[in-house]
Amino acid sequence: MFLTPSELETLTGYAQNGRQRRWLDSHQWRYESAANGRVVVSRAYAESRLSGIPQKKEWEPNFDAFKKVA
């Protein structure tokens, strides 16, 4: 579900949470902070970023369906 602390260290090259955050921010990665201060990165997100295959977009309404037809 989430990258392990060891995997985060391998990804960022840093063991400290603050440095991991700076690396993730500078590379425009999404992450959350757990209550204990640890960095949390979704495994699915990391796999998507590293593979180059974009994640599926969340559902969006089809606003074109509301356009008036003349």
N, C-alpha and C. Protein backbone atom coordinates (compact mmCIF):
# COMPACT_ATOMS: atom_id res chain seq x y z
N MET A 1 0.81 -1.18 0.00
CA MET A 1 0.00 0.00 0.00
C MET A 1 0.87 1.26 0.00
N PHE A 2 1.91 1.28 0.86
CA PHE A 2 2.83 2.42 0.93
C PHE A 2 4.27 1.95 0.83
N LEU A 3 5.16 2.84 0.37
CA LEU A 3 6.57 2.51 0.34
C LEU A 3 7.08 2.35 1.77
N THR A 4 7.99 1.40 1.98
CA THR A 4 8.58 1.21 3.29
C THR A 4 9.62 2.31 3.53
N PRO A 5 10.00 2.54 4.78
CA PRO A 5 11.07 3.52 5.05
C PRO A 5 12.34 3.23 4.25
N SER A 6 12.67 1.96 4.11
CA SER A 6 13.86 1.57 3.34
C SER A 6 13.71 1.94 1.86
N GLU A 7 12.51 1.71 1.31
CA GLU A 7 12.27 2.06 -0.10
C GLU A 7 12.30 3.56 -0.30
N LEU A 8 11.77 4.32 0.65
CA LEU A 8 11.83 5.78 0.56
C LEU A 8 13.27 6.26 0.59
N GLU A 9 14.08 5.63 1.42
CA GLU A 9 15.49 6.00 1.49
C GLU A 9 16.19 5.69 0.17
N THR A 10 15.87 4.55 -0.41
CA THR A 10 16.46 4.19 -1.71
C THR A 10 16.02 5.17 -2.79
N LEU A 11 14.75 5.53 -2.79
CA LEU A 11 14.21 6.45 -3.79
C LEU A 11 14.85 7.83 -3.68
N THR A 12 14.89 8.37 -2.47
CA THR A 12 15.34 9.75 -2.28
C THR A 12 16.84 9.87 -2.03
N GLY A 13 17.43 8.80 -1.52
CA GLY A 13 18.85 8.86 -1.14
C GLY A 13 19.05 9.42 0.26
N TYR A 14 17.95 9.63 0.99
CA TYR A 14 18.02 10.22 2.33
C TYR A 14 17.23 9.37 3.33
N ALA A 15 17.76 9.29 4.55
CA ALA A 15 17.09 8.56 5.63
C ALA A 15 16.23 9.51 6.47
N GLN A 16 16.60 10.77 6.53
CA GLN A 16 15.88 11.73 7.38
C GLN A 16 14.62 12.22 6.67
N ASN A 17 13.53 12.30 7.45
CA ASN A 17 12.23 12.71 6.89
C ASN A 17 12.28 14.07 6.22
N GLY A 18 12.93 15.04 6.84
CA GLY A 18 13.00 16.38 6.26
C GLY A 18 13.69 16.40 4.92
N ARG A 19 14.75 15.65 4.81
CA ARG A 19 15.47 15.59 3.53
C ARG A 19 14.67 14.83 2.48
N GLN A 20 13.95 13.80 2.92
CA GLN A 20 13.08 13.08 1.99
C GLN A 20 12.01 14.02 1.44
N ARG A 21 11.43 14.83 2.32
CA ARG A 21 10.40 15.79 1.88
C ARG A 21 10.97 16.78 0.87
N ARG A 22 12.15 17.30 1.14
CA ARG A 22 12.78 18.26 0.20
C ARG A 22 13.01 17.60 -1.15
N TRP A 23 13.49 16.36 -1.14
CA TRP A 23 13.72 15.66 -2.41
C TRP A 23 12.40 15.46 -3.15
N LEU A 24 11.39 14.97 -2.44
CA LEU A 24 10.08 14.73 -3.06
C LEU A 24 9.49 16.03 -3.60
N ASP A 25 9.59 17.11 -2.83
CA ASP A 25 9.10 18.42 -3.30
C ASP A 25 9.84 18.87 -4.55
N SER A 26 11.16 18.74 -4.55
CA SER A 26 11.94 19.22 -5.70
C SER A 26 11.70 18.39 -6.96
N HIS A 27 11.25 17.16 -6.79
CA HIS A 27 10.95 16.30 -7.94
C HIS A 27 9.44 16.20 -8.20
N GLN A 28 8.68 17.03 -7.51
CA GLN A 28 7.22 17.14 -7.69
C GLN A 28 6.49 15.82 -7.48
N TRP A 29 6.86 15.13 -6.41
CA TRP A 29 6.18 13.90 -6.02
C TRP A 29 5.11 14.24 -4.99
N ARG A 30 3.99 13.55 -5.04
CA ARG A 30 2.93 13.71 -4.04
C ARG A 30 3.23 12.79 -2.86
N TYR A 31 2.99 13.28 -1.67
CA TYR A 31 3.18 12.47 -0.46
C TYR A 31 2.35 13.05 0.66
N GLU A 32 2.22 12.31 1.72
CA GLU A 32 1.53 12.75 2.92
C GLU A 32 2.50 12.59 4.08
N SER A 33 2.17 13.22 5.18
CA SER A 33 2.94 13.06 6.40
C SER A 33 2.08 12.33 7.41
N ALA A 34 2.62 11.26 7.97
CA ALA A 34 1.90 10.50 9.00
C ALA A 34 1.94 11.28 10.31
N ALA A 35 1.12 10.87 11.26
CA ALA A 35 1.06 11.55 12.57
C ALA A 35 2.41 11.52 13.28
N ASN A 36 3.20 10.49 13.00
CA ASN A 36 4.52 10.38 13.64
C ASN A 36 5.61 11.15 12.89
N GLY A 37 5.22 11.88 11.84
CA GLY A 37 6.17 12.69 11.08
C GLY A 37 6.80 11.98 9.90
N ARG A 38 6.55 10.71 9.75
CA ARG A 38 7.13 9.97 8.63
C ARG A 38 6.48 10.37 7.30
N VAL A 39 7.27 10.27 6.25
CA VAL A 39 6.79 10.54 4.90
C VAL A 39 6.05 9.29 4.41
N VAL A 40 4.90 9.50 3.77
CA VAL A 40 4.09 8.38 3.27
C VAL A 40 3.85 8.59 1.79
N VAL A 41 4.31 7.61 0.98
CA VAL A 41 4.13 7.65 -0.47
C VAL A 41 3.39 6.38 -0.88
N SER A 42 2.33 6.54 -1.63
CA SER A 42 1.56 5.40 -2.12
C SER A 42 2.41 4.56 -3.06
N ARG A 43 2.37 3.25 -2.86
CA ARG A 43 3.13 2.34 -3.74
C ARG A 43 2.63 2.44 -5.18
N ALA A 44 1.31 2.53 -5.37
CA ALA A 44 0.76 2.63 -6.73
C ALA A 44 1.25 3.91 -7.41
N TYR A 45 1.29 5.02 -6.65
CA TYR A 45 1.77 6.28 -7.21
C TYR A 45 3.24 6.17 -7.60
N ALA A 46 4.05 5.60 -6.71
CA ALA A 46 5.48 5.46 -6.99
C ALA A 46 5.71 4.58 -8.21
N GLU A 47 4.99 3.47 -8.30
CA GLU A 47 5.14 2.58 -9.46
C GLU A 47 4.73 3.28 -10.74
N SER A 48 3.68 4.08 -10.67
CA SER A 48 3.23 4.83 -11.85
C SER A 48 4.30 5.84 -12.28
N ARG A 49 4.82 6.59 -11.32
CA ARG A 49 5.85 7.60 -11.63
C ARG A 49 7.10 6.96 -12.22
N LEU A 50 7.52 5.86 -11.62
CA LEU A 50 8.78 5.23 -12.05
C LEU A 50 8.63 4.47 -13.36
N SER A 51 7.43 4.01 -13.67
CA SER A 51 7.22 3.26 -14.92
C SER A 51 6.94 4.18 -16.10
N GLY A 52 6.50 5.41 -15.80
CA GLY A 52 6.15 6.33 -16.87
C GLY A 52 4.73 6.14 -17.36
N ILE A 53 4.00 5.20 -16.76
CA ILE A 53 2.61 4.97 -17.14
C ILE A 53 1.73 5.79 -16.20
N PRO A 54 0.96 6.75 -16.75
CA PRO A 54 0.14 7.60 -15.87
C PRO A 54 -0.94 6.82 -15.16
N GLN A 55 -1.26 7.28 -13.95
CA GLN A 55 -2.35 6.67 -13.20
C GLN A 55 -3.67 7.02 -13.86
N LYS A 56 -4.67 6.20 -13.62
CA LYS A 56 -6.00 6.50 -14.14
C LYS A 56 -6.51 7.76 -13.48
N LYS A 57 -7.12 8.61 -14.26
CA LYS A 57 -7.72 9.83 -13.72
C LYS A 57 -8.99 9.47 -12.96
N GLU A 58 -9.26 10.27 -11.96
CA GLU A 58 -10.52 10.11 -11.26
C GLU A 58 -11.65 10.50 -12.20
N TRP A 59 -12.82 10.04 -11.90
CA TRP A 59 -13.99 10.33 -12.73
C TRP A 59 -14.21 11.83 -12.79
N GLU A 60 -14.51 12.32 -13.98
CA GLU A 60 -14.84 13.72 -14.19
C GLU A 60 -16.16 13.79 -14.95
N PRO A 61 -17.00 14.74 -14.61
CA PRO A 61 -18.27 14.86 -15.34
C PRO A 61 -18.05 15.29 -16.78
N ASN A 62 -18.95 14.90 -17.64
CA ASN A 62 -18.91 15.28 -19.05
C ASN A 62 -19.74 16.56 -19.23
N PHE A 63 -19.07 17.71 -19.11
CA PHE A 63 -19.78 18.97 -19.22
C PHE A 63 -20.27 19.24 -20.64
N ASP A 64 -19.70 18.61 -21.63
CA ASP A 64 -20.16 18.77 -23.00
C ASP A 64 -21.60 18.27 -23.16
N ALA A 65 -22.01 17.35 -22.33
CA ALA A 65 -23.36 16.81 -22.41
C ALA A 65 -24.41 17.86 -22.05
N PHE A 66 -24.00 18.92 -21.39
CA PHE A 66 -24.94 19.97 -20.98
C PHE A 66 -25.06 21.10 -21.99
N LYS A 67 -24.26 21.06 -23.02
CA LYS A 67 -24.32 22.12 -24.04
C LYS A 67 -25.63 22.01 -24.82
N LYS A 68 -26.17 23.18 -25.16
CA LYS A 68 -27.41 23.19 -25.94
C LYS A 68 -27.12 22.80 -27.37
N VAL A 69 -28.00 22.02 -27.92
CA VAL A 69 -27.88 21.63 -29.32
C VAL A 69 -28.83 22.53 -30.11
N ALA A 70 -28.30 23.18 -31.14
CA ALA A 70 -29.11 24.13 -31.92
C ALA A 70 -29.96 23.42 -32.94
